[in-house]
Protein backbone atom coordinates (compact mmCIF):
# COMPACT_ATOMS: atom_id res chain seq x y z
CA MET A 1 125.58 65.32 118.15
CA LEU A 2 127.34 67.95 116.06
CA ILE A 3 128.05 71.51 117.22
CA VAL A 4 128.62 73.92 114.34
CA ARG A 5 130.30 77.21 115.19
CA LYS A 6 129.71 80.65 113.69
CA SER A 7 132.94 80.67 111.71
CA GLU A 8 132.00 77.34 110.15
CA VAL A 9 128.48 78.53 109.33
CA SER A 10 130.00 81.60 107.71
CA GLY A 11 132.34 79.51 105.57
CA ILE A 12 129.55 77.18 104.45
CA LEU A 13 127.21 80.03 103.47
CA GLU A 14 129.89 82.14 101.78
CA SER A 15 129.13 82.83 98.10
CA ARG A 16 125.77 81.02 98.23
CA SER A 17 123.45 84.02 97.89
CA ALA A 18 121.65 82.85 94.77
CA GLU A 19 121.31 79.33 96.19
CA LEU A 20 119.88 80.69 99.45
CA ILE A 21 117.30 82.77 97.60
CA ASP A 22 116.18 79.62 95.77
CA LEU A 23 116.19 77.66 99.04
CA VAL A 24 113.98 80.25 100.74
CA ALA A 25 111.65 80.32 97.73
CA ASN A 26 111.26 76.54 97.96
CA ALA A 27 110.55 76.78 101.71
CA TYR A 28 107.78 79.30 101.01
CA ARG A 29 106.41 76.99 98.32
CA LEU A 30 106.35 74.01 100.68
CA HIS A 31 104.65 76.11 103.36
CA GLU A 32 101.99 77.26 100.93
CA GLU A 33 101.41 73.65 99.90
CA GLY A 34 100.82 72.62 103.52
CA ARG A 35 104.01 70.56 103.77
CA THR A 36 105.24 72.26 106.92
CA SER A 37 104.25 72.43 110.56
CA LEU A 38 104.62 75.87 112.09
CA PRO A 39 103.30 76.62 115.59
CA HIS A 40 103.22 80.24 116.68
CA SER A 41 106.48 81.70 117.90
CA THR A 42 106.93 82.09 121.64
CA PHE A 43 108.05 85.49 122.94
CA LEU A 44 109.98 85.64 126.19
CA ARG A 45 109.94 89.18 127.56
CA PHE A 46 111.50 90.74 130.65
CA PRO A 47 109.40 93.01 132.94
CA ASP A 48 112.40 95.15 133.91
CA ALA A 49 113.81 95.40 130.37
CA PRO A 50 110.88 95.64 127.92
CA ALA A 51 113.11 96.34 124.90
CA ASN A 52 114.75 92.91 125.25
CA ARG A 53 113.20 89.67 124.06
CA ILE A 54 114.02 86.08 123.19
CA ILE A 55 111.88 84.28 120.62
CA GLY A 56 111.46 80.54 120.18
CA LEU A 57 110.48 79.36 116.68
CA PRO A 58 109.67 75.62 116.43
CA ALA A 59 109.09 74.23 112.96
CA PHE A 60 109.05 71.25 110.61
CA ILE A 61 109.64 71.43 106.88
CA GLY A 62 109.14 68.57 104.45
CA GLY A 63 110.34 68.17 100.89
CA ASP A 64 113.59 66.61 99.68
CA SER A 65 115.54 67.59 102.82
CA PRO A 66 113.02 67.36 105.67
CA SER A 67 113.99 68.86 108.99
CA ALA A 68 112.58 69.54 112.44
CA GLY A 69 113.96 71.86 115.08
CA MET A 70 113.80 75.18 116.85
CA LYS A 71 115.49 78.55 116.63
CA TRP A 72 116.10 80.42 119.90
CA ILE A 73 116.95 84.02 119.03
CA ALA A 74 117.62 86.91 121.41
CA SER A 75 117.33 90.60 120.58
CA PHE A 76 118.92 92.97 123.10
CA PRO A 77 119.04 96.40 121.37
CA GLY A 78 121.16 97.90 124.15
CA ASN A 79 124.04 95.67 123.09
CA ILE A 80 124.76 98.08 120.25
CA ARG A 81 125.93 100.76 122.67
CA THR A 82 128.61 98.45 124.03
CA GLY A 83 129.81 97.14 120.67
CA VAL A 84 128.10 93.75 121.08
CA ASP A 85 125.82 92.30 118.40
CA ARG A 86 122.14 93.03 119.04
CA ALA A 87 121.02 89.54 118.03
CA SER A 88 122.31 86.10 118.95
CA ALA A 89 120.77 82.77 118.11
CA VAL A 90 121.09 79.01 118.13
CA ILE A 91 119.21 76.32 116.20
CA VAL A 92 118.67 72.80 117.49
CA LEU A 93 117.94 70.17 114.83
CA SER A 94 116.23 66.96 115.91
CA SER A 95 116.47 63.55 114.27
CA LEU A 96 113.34 62.61 112.35
CA LEU A 97 114.07 58.97 113.18
CA ASN A 98 113.81 59.21 116.97
CA GLY A 99 113.52 62.89 117.90
CA HIS A 100 116.95 63.05 119.54
CA PRO A 101 118.96 66.25 119.10
CA GLN A 102 121.46 65.79 116.30
CA ALA A 103 122.92 69.28 115.83
CA VAL A 104 123.35 72.60 117.61
CA ILE A 105 124.16 75.33 115.11
CA GLU A 106 125.09 78.98 115.64
CA ALA A 107 122.21 80.77 113.98
CA SER A 108 122.67 84.54 113.97
CA LEU A 109 124.11 84.33 110.44
CA ILE A 110 121.43 81.87 109.34
CA SER A 111 118.71 84.18 110.65
CA ALA A 112 120.18 87.27 108.99
CA LYS A 113 120.78 85.58 105.66
CA ARG A 114 117.39 83.89 105.40
CA THR A 115 115.77 87.26 106.25
CA ALA A 116 117.75 88.99 103.54
CA ALA A 117 117.18 86.21 101.02
CA GLY A 118 113.42 86.43 101.63
CA ALA A 119 113.46 90.21 101.22
CA ALA A 120 115.39 89.98 97.95
CA LEU A 121 113.06 87.24 96.72
CA ALA A 122 109.99 89.38 97.43
CA ALA A 123 111.54 92.42 95.77
CA GLY A 124 112.24 90.43 92.62
CA LEU A 125 108.71 89.04 92.56
CA LEU A 126 107.01 92.41 93.05
CA LEU A 127 109.12 94.91 91.15
CA PRO A 128 108.16 95.59 87.51
CA ASP A 129 109.94 93.22 85.13
CA GLU A 130 111.35 91.42 88.20
CA GLY A 131 113.41 94.48 89.03
CA ALA A 132 115.35 94.48 85.76
CA GLY A 133 115.46 98.29 85.65
CA THR A 134 115.81 98.97 89.36
CA THR A 135 118.90 101.08 90.06
CA GLY A 136 118.48 102.22 93.66
CA VAL A 137 117.30 101.22 97.13
CA THR A 138 116.72 103.12 100.37
CA LEU A 139 117.80 101.39 103.57
CA ILE A 140 116.41 102.66 106.87
CA GLY A 141 118.46 101.21 109.74
CA CYS A 142 122.18 100.61 109.31
CA GLY A 143 122.62 97.27 111.05
CA VAL A 144 123.45 93.70 110.17
CA ILE A 145 120.08 92.93 108.56
CA ASN A 146 120.11 95.77 106.04
CA ALA A 147 123.74 95.03 105.22
CA GLU A 148 122.72 91.48 104.31
CA ILE A 149 119.64 92.74 102.46
CA LEU A 150 121.82 95.04 100.35
CA HIS A 151 124.07 92.09 99.54
CA PHE A 152 121.19 89.80 98.55
CA LEU A 153 119.45 92.56 96.58
CA SER A 154 122.64 93.05 94.58
CA THR A 155 122.48 89.33 93.75
CA ARG A 156 118.78 89.32 92.85
CA LEU A 157 118.73 92.71 91.09
CA PRO A 158 121.86 93.00 88.91
CA SER A 159 120.86 96.51 87.75
CA LEU A 160 121.10 97.85 91.32
CA THR A 161 123.86 100.47 91.49
CA GLU A 162 122.86 102.91 94.25
CA ALA A 163 121.82 102.81 97.89
CA THR A 164 120.74 105.69 100.11
CA VAL A 165 120.94 104.91 103.82
CA TYR A 166 119.71 106.54 107.01
CA ASP A 167 120.22 105.74 110.67
CA GLN A 168 119.50 107.80 113.77
CA ASP A 169 123.14 107.25 114.73
CA PRO A 170 125.44 108.98 112.19
CA VAL A 171 128.39 106.87 113.36
CA ARG A 172 126.53 103.67 112.49
CA ALA A 173 125.56 105.12 109.12
CA ALA A 174 129.19 105.97 108.34
CA ALA A 175 130.32 102.49 109.39
CA PHE A 176 127.63 101.00 107.16
CA VAL A 177 129.23 102.58 104.10
CA ARG A 178 132.43 100.65 104.81
CA THR A 179 130.48 97.42 105.37
CA ALA A 180 128.57 97.93 102.12
CA GLU A 181 131.82 98.13 100.19
CA GLU A 182 132.48 94.54 101.24
CA LYS A 183 128.91 93.24 101.06
CA ALA A 184 127.93 94.83 97.77
CA PRO A 185 130.95 96.07 95.81
CA GLY A 186 129.98 98.21 92.86
CA ILE A 187 127.03 99.86 94.64
CA THR A 188 127.45 103.54 95.49
CA VAL A 189 126.20 104.26 99.02
CA THR A 190 125.03 107.73 100.07
CA VAL A 191 124.22 108.66 103.67
CA ALA A 192 121.12 110.84 104.01
CA ARG A 193 121.03 113.47 106.74
CA GLU A 194 117.28 113.15 107.19
CA GLN A 195 114.99 110.15 107.01
CA ALA A 196 112.58 111.94 104.67
CA GLN A 197 115.46 112.61 102.28
CA ALA A 198 116.32 108.91 102.23
CA LEU A 199 112.72 107.81 101.65
CA ALA A 200 112.36 110.26 98.75
CA ALA A 201 115.46 108.92 97.01
CA HIS A 202 114.19 105.57 95.70
CA SER A 203 110.97 103.60 95.20
CA LEU A 204 112.48 100.41 96.68
CA VAL A 205 112.76 100.70 100.47
CA SER A 206 113.96 98.33 103.18
CA LEU A 207 113.04 99.00 106.81
CA ALA A 208 115.21 97.15 109.34
CA THR A 209 115.17 99.05 112.61
CA THR A 210 114.58 98.30 116.29
CA SER A 211 111.46 100.51 116.49
CA ALA A 212 108.80 99.23 118.88
CA GLU A 213 106.07 101.66 117.79
CA PRO A 214 105.01 102.81 114.31
CA TYR A 215 106.06 106.30 113.23
CA LEU A 216 105.99 106.44 109.41
CA PRO A 217 102.91 108.31 108.09
CA VAL A 218 100.76 107.56 105.07
CA ASP A 219 102.75 109.83 102.77
CA ALA A 220 106.20 108.60 103.86
CA PHE A 221 106.86 106.71 100.61
CA ARG A 222 106.97 107.66 96.96
CA PRO A 223 103.82 106.60 95.05
CA GLY A 224 104.21 103.12 93.69
CA SER A 225 107.02 102.20 96.10
CA THR A 226 107.91 98.65 97.06
CA VAL A 227 108.53 98.57 100.82
CA LEU A 228 110.24 95.65 102.53
CA ASN A 229 108.77 96.01 106.02
CA VAL A 230 111.33 93.71 107.63
CA SER A 231 111.27 95.15 111.16
CA LEU A 232 107.45 95.12 111.07
CA ARG A 233 106.80 98.00 113.47
CA ASP A 234 107.83 101.16 111.63
CA ILE A 235 104.72 101.83 109.54
CA ARG A 236 101.51 103.30 110.91
CA PRO A 237 98.54 100.97 110.41
CA GLN A 238 96.54 103.37 108.23
CA THR A 239 99.40 103.30 105.73
CA LEU A 240 98.90 99.55 105.31
CA LEU A 241 95.16 100.01 104.83
CA ASP A 242 95.88 102.43 101.97
CA ALA A 243 98.46 100.12 100.35
CA GLN A 244 98.66 96.73 98.70
CA ASN A 245 99.99 94.16 101.15
CA VAL A 246 101.94 90.92 100.86
CA VAL A 247 102.83 88.80 103.91
CA ASP A 248 104.55 85.49 104.53
CA ASP A 249 101.76 84.09 106.73
CA ALA A 250 98.78 86.14 107.89
CA ASP A 251 98.24 84.13 111.09
CA HIS A 252 101.84 84.69 112.15
CA VAL A 253 102.33 88.31 111.14
CA CYS A 254 99.06 89.65 112.57
CA ARG A 255 100.30 89.31 116.16
CA GLU A 256 102.51 91.00 118.72
CA ARG A 257 101.60 94.57 117.74
CA THR A 258 103.22 94.46 114.33
CA SER A 259 101.98 97.02 111.83
CA PRO A 260 99.74 94.37 110.17
CA ASP A 261 98.42 93.44 113.62
CA LEU A 262 97.56 97.08 114.34
CA ALA A 263 96.00 97.43 110.87
CA GLN A 264 93.88 94.36 111.62
CA GLN A 265 92.75 95.91 114.90
CA LEU A 266 91.98 99.22 113.20
CA SER A 267 89.98 97.69 110.33
CA GLY A 268 88.47 94.73 112.16
CA ASN A 269 89.57 92.28 109.46
CA ARG A 270 92.45 91.16 107.25
CA ASP A 271 90.96 92.22 103.95
CA PHE A 272 93.89 94.58 103.39
CA ILE A 273 96.19 91.55 102.84
CA ASP A 274 96.31 90.82 99.12
CA ALA A 275 98.65 87.82 98.81
CA SER A 276 101.30 85.69 100.48
CA ILE A 277 104.88 85.30 99.33
CA GLY A 278 104.25 81.57 98.89
CA GLU A 279 101.36 82.31 96.52
CA LEU A 280 103.58 84.62 94.50
CA VAL A 281 106.32 81.99 94.32
CA GLY A 282 103.91 79.29 93.19
CA GLY A 283 101.86 81.52 90.91
CA ALA A 284 98.71 80.62 92.83
CA THR A 285 97.29 84.14 93.05
CA SER A 286 95.56 86.66 90.83
CA PHE A 287 97.30 89.51 92.65
CA ARG A 288 98.52 92.29 90.36
CA ARG A 289 100.38 95.42 91.31
CA ASP A 290 98.69 98.78 91.01
CA PRO A 291 101.53 101.04 89.80
CA GLU A 292 100.01 104.02 91.62
CA ARG A 293 99.89 102.35 95.02
CA THR A 294 102.58 101.36 97.45
CA VAL A 295 103.04 97.64 98.02
CA ILE A 296 104.22 96.67 101.50
CA VAL A 297 105.85 93.29 102.16
CA SER A 298 105.60 92.27 105.82
CA PRO A 299 107.48 89.02 106.53
CA PHE A 300 107.09 87.84 110.12
CA GLY A 301 110.03 85.50 109.66
CA LEU A 302 108.97 81.87 109.49
CA GLY A 303 110.90 79.18 111.33
CA VAL A 304 110.73 76.93 108.26
CA LEU A 305 113.13 79.32 106.50
CA ASP A 306 115.65 78.97 109.32
CA LEU A 307 115.33 75.18 109.20
CA ALA A 308 115.84 75.05 105.44
CA VAL A 309 119.12 76.95 105.76
CA ALA A 310 120.17 75.11 108.93
CA GLN A 311 119.64 71.75 107.23
CA LEU A 312 121.90 72.89 104.39
CA VAL A 313 124.56 73.94 106.94
CA TYR A 314 124.26 70.61 108.77
CA GLU A 315 124.58 68.52 105.62
CA GLU A 316 127.56 70.54 104.40
CA ALA A 317 129.23 70.33 107.83
CA LEU A 318 128.96 66.54 107.65
CA LYS A 319 130.40 66.46 104.13
CA GLN A 320 133.27 68.78 105.00
CA GLN A 321 133.88 67.23 108.44
CA LEU A 322 133.35 70.53 110.20
CA GLY A 323 132.07 71.18 113.71
CA VAL A 324 132.61 69.48 117.04
CA ALA A 325 131.25 65.94 117.41
CA VAL A 326 129.95 65.28 120.93
CA ASP A 327 129.51 61.54 120.89
CA ASP A 328 128.64 61.28 124.57
CA PHE A 329 126.02 64.06 124.64
CA LEU A 330 123.52 61.27 125.31
CA THR A 331 124.41 58.09 127.16
CA ALA A 332 125.53 55.17 125.01
CA ALA A 333 122.23 53.39 125.49
CA GLU A 334 120.24 56.43 124.37
CA ALA A 335 122.46 57.71 121.60
CA ALA A 336 120.92 58.36 118.22
CA PRO A 337 122.28 56.46 115.21
CA ALA A 338 125.68 57.86 114.33
CA ALA A 339 125.47 60.50 111.62
CA VAL A 340 128.68 62.39 112.28
CA PRO A 341 131.86 61.31 110.52
CA GLU A 342 135.13 60.91 112.38
CA ALA A 343 137.50 63.82 111.86
CA SER A 344 140.95 64.56 113.15
CA GLY A 345 141.54 67.65 115.25
CA ARG A 346 138.07 67.72 116.82
């Protein structure tokens, strides 16, 4: 079995933004075609710490590089106050020959980058002329996810030159400006003093917060805005009912008190959902934007996206002889066929 560390994942994924957007698009296409298996995610919650959670996402994805495995991702928002990353994650890949574990991969970077790649993909698909004239974006929440989203948007939307950011913590907002200089050089970042000021600045908006309850009203966005509802719980349900809506998978996103879940409860149906990202990628939808209405993209975050990126990391780690090979993880009699090359210094 191969253990791939965070630094190695980072090196493998460096400078692959365009490739990752294409990889995520292909994963959505395969999912829409029924070439995946995707049970519902499992949420582990803690009675004495309701803000904390750990989510298990099992999945299988077919195609040219089939893969099966599970992401185990923890979100502990209180970590931020102590200077520790909010999210941590690991992905286990299993052999499709015998089901044995063949890799354990640090996955916080994989999770962040596939989230950002999916957001950038959706923005490009939904903005007029694929975003060719888009110059600015509003980012609500100045954490790791929006930093990655800004980076991937700059790849997908070359005309992007401005970003207006807002966070409840001014210190985090100021630090985000420095991070943005590295993630998206050439984009001018302005920190808004008020959330309403930030939302009024641009018609492309990314929401990546730790909010547990919706707070954004119907008139929060500029008419005709494209809203990347990444954190899923910021927008009041009535806002979704008044908007056009795109999701990654309706069965997955309409759960766990997300804004689409609350909109479903309020309306009694899912008629407010207009299309899936997979349909947009494959062109299998008649959905058209109404320029006067807001379109809200609500991606639950499908495990098949994590697997697609993890499989790329695993294959590259083998090629580059990275990671730690644990040849005796299983007993000799049970060991899976060797797939890890010998490498000095491991």
